[in-house]
Protein backbone atom coordinates (compact mmCIF):
# COMPACT_ATOMS: atom_id res chain seq x y z
CA MET A 1 -89.95 102.78 -71.96
CA ALA A 2 -86.57 102.62 -73.69
CA ARG A 3 -85.89 105.03 -76.52
CA PRO A 4 -85.46 103.43 -79.92
CA GLU A 5 -82.05 103.50 -81.60
CA PRO A 6 -81.52 106.63 -83.72
CA ILE A 7 -82.23 106.19 -87.43
CA ALA A 8 -80.36 108.19 -90.05
CA ALA A 9 -82.39 111.10 -91.45
CA ARG A 10 -83.87 110.66 -94.89
CA GLU A 11 -86.23 112.37 -97.26
CA ALA A 12 -90.00 111.78 -97.05
CA LYS A 13 -92.72 112.74 -99.52
CA LEU A 14 -95.35 115.42 -98.91
CA PHE A 15 -98.77 115.16 -100.53
CA ARG A 16 -102.21 116.77 -100.39
CA ASN A 17 -105.11 115.06 -98.63
CA ASN A 18 -108.18 117.20 -99.38
CA LYS A 19 -107.20 120.63 -97.97
CA SER A 20 -104.49 119.31 -95.65
CA GLN A 21 -100.84 118.64 -96.32
CA ALA A 22 -99.66 115.19 -95.25
CA VAL A 23 -96.33 113.42 -95.03
CA ARG A 24 -95.72 109.78 -95.89
CA ILE A 25 -93.80 108.38 -92.91
CA PRO A 26 -91.46 105.49 -93.77
CA ALA A 27 -92.08 102.24 -91.88
CA ASP A 28 -88.84 102.48 -89.88
CA PHE A 29 -90.03 105.85 -88.48
CA GLU A 30 -93.51 104.54 -87.61
CA LEU A 31 -95.13 105.97 -84.47
CA PRO A 32 -97.46 104.03 -82.17
CA GLY A 33 -101.18 104.79 -82.02
CA ASP A 34 -103.46 106.62 -84.45
CA SER A 35 -102.81 110.26 -83.55
CA VAL A 36 -99.89 112.52 -82.65
CA MET A 37 -99.25 115.90 -81.07
CA ILE A 38 -97.71 118.35 -83.53
CA HIS A 39 -95.95 121.60 -82.73
CA ARG A 40 -93.71 124.06 -84.48
CA ASP A 41 -90.17 124.95 -83.40
CA GLY A 42 -89.03 127.69 -85.79
CA ASP A 43 -89.28 126.18 -89.26
CA ARG A 44 -89.34 122.62 -87.87
CA LEU A 45 -92.49 120.56 -87.26
CA ILE A 46 -92.25 118.06 -84.43
CA LEU A 47 -94.53 115.02 -84.19
CA GLU A 48 -94.85 113.21 -80.87
CA PRO A 49 -96.90 110.10 -80.12
CA ILE A 50 -99.80 110.57 -77.71
CA ARG A 51 -99.20 108.18 -74.85
CA CYS A 52 -102.17 106.37 -73.33
CA LYS A 53 -102.78 107.43 -69.77
CA ASN A 54 -102.59 104.75 -67.14
CA LEU A 55 -105.43 104.25 -64.66
CA LEU A 56 -103.77 106.31 -61.90
CA GLU A 57 -103.39 109.29 -64.26
CA VAL A 58 -107.06 109.04 -65.29
CA LEU A 59 -108.23 108.82 -61.67
CA ALA A 60 -105.99 111.74 -60.63
CA GLY A 61 -107.68 113.91 -63.27
CA LEU A 62 -111.21 113.26 -61.98
CA THR A 63 -113.04 115.85 -59.91
CA PRO A 64 -114.31 114.40 -56.60
CA LEU A 65 -118.06 114.34 -56.05
CA GLY A 66 -119.31 116.96 -53.63
CA ALA A 67 -121.63 116.35 -50.68
CA ASP A 68 -124.59 117.66 -52.73
CA ASP A 69 -123.89 115.44 -55.75
CA GLN A 70 -126.30 112.54 -56.07
CA PHE A 71 -126.59 109.62 -58.40
CA PRO A 72 -129.83 109.52 -60.40
CA GLU A 73 -132.63 107.24 -59.32
CA ILE A 74 -132.60 103.95 -61.23
CA ASP A 75 -135.75 101.97 -61.92
CA ASP A 76 -134.42 98.46 -61.32
CA THR A 77 -137.69 96.87 -62.43
CA LEU A 78 -136.79 97.67 -66.05
CA LEU A 79 -133.63 95.60 -65.99
CA PRO A 80 -133.85 92.96 -63.28
CA ALA A 81 -130.55 91.48 -62.18
CA LYS A 82 -129.83 87.97 -63.36
CA ALA A 83 -127.93 85.42 -61.33
CA ILE A 84 -124.53 84.62 -62.80
CA ASP A 85 -122.74 81.39 -61.98
CA LEU A 86 -119.05 82.21 -61.55
């Protein structure tokens, strides 16, 4: 993904939200998603968007089933399969 063009630094407002401090991020600095990673570098706070993993990353993180692992028994009389016309 291409990096966005740099935007000149500007002042943003801090405010309290219950017991947390929050910052109002201007629209031109908006980050994707609904959460970020935050870390401290000296007296600087750095916010980074959390990227969604793609399917290959998710699958690579799974632990393979062992030879002794079994799927649970399923009572298929409770939910009989219905024919679907595709």
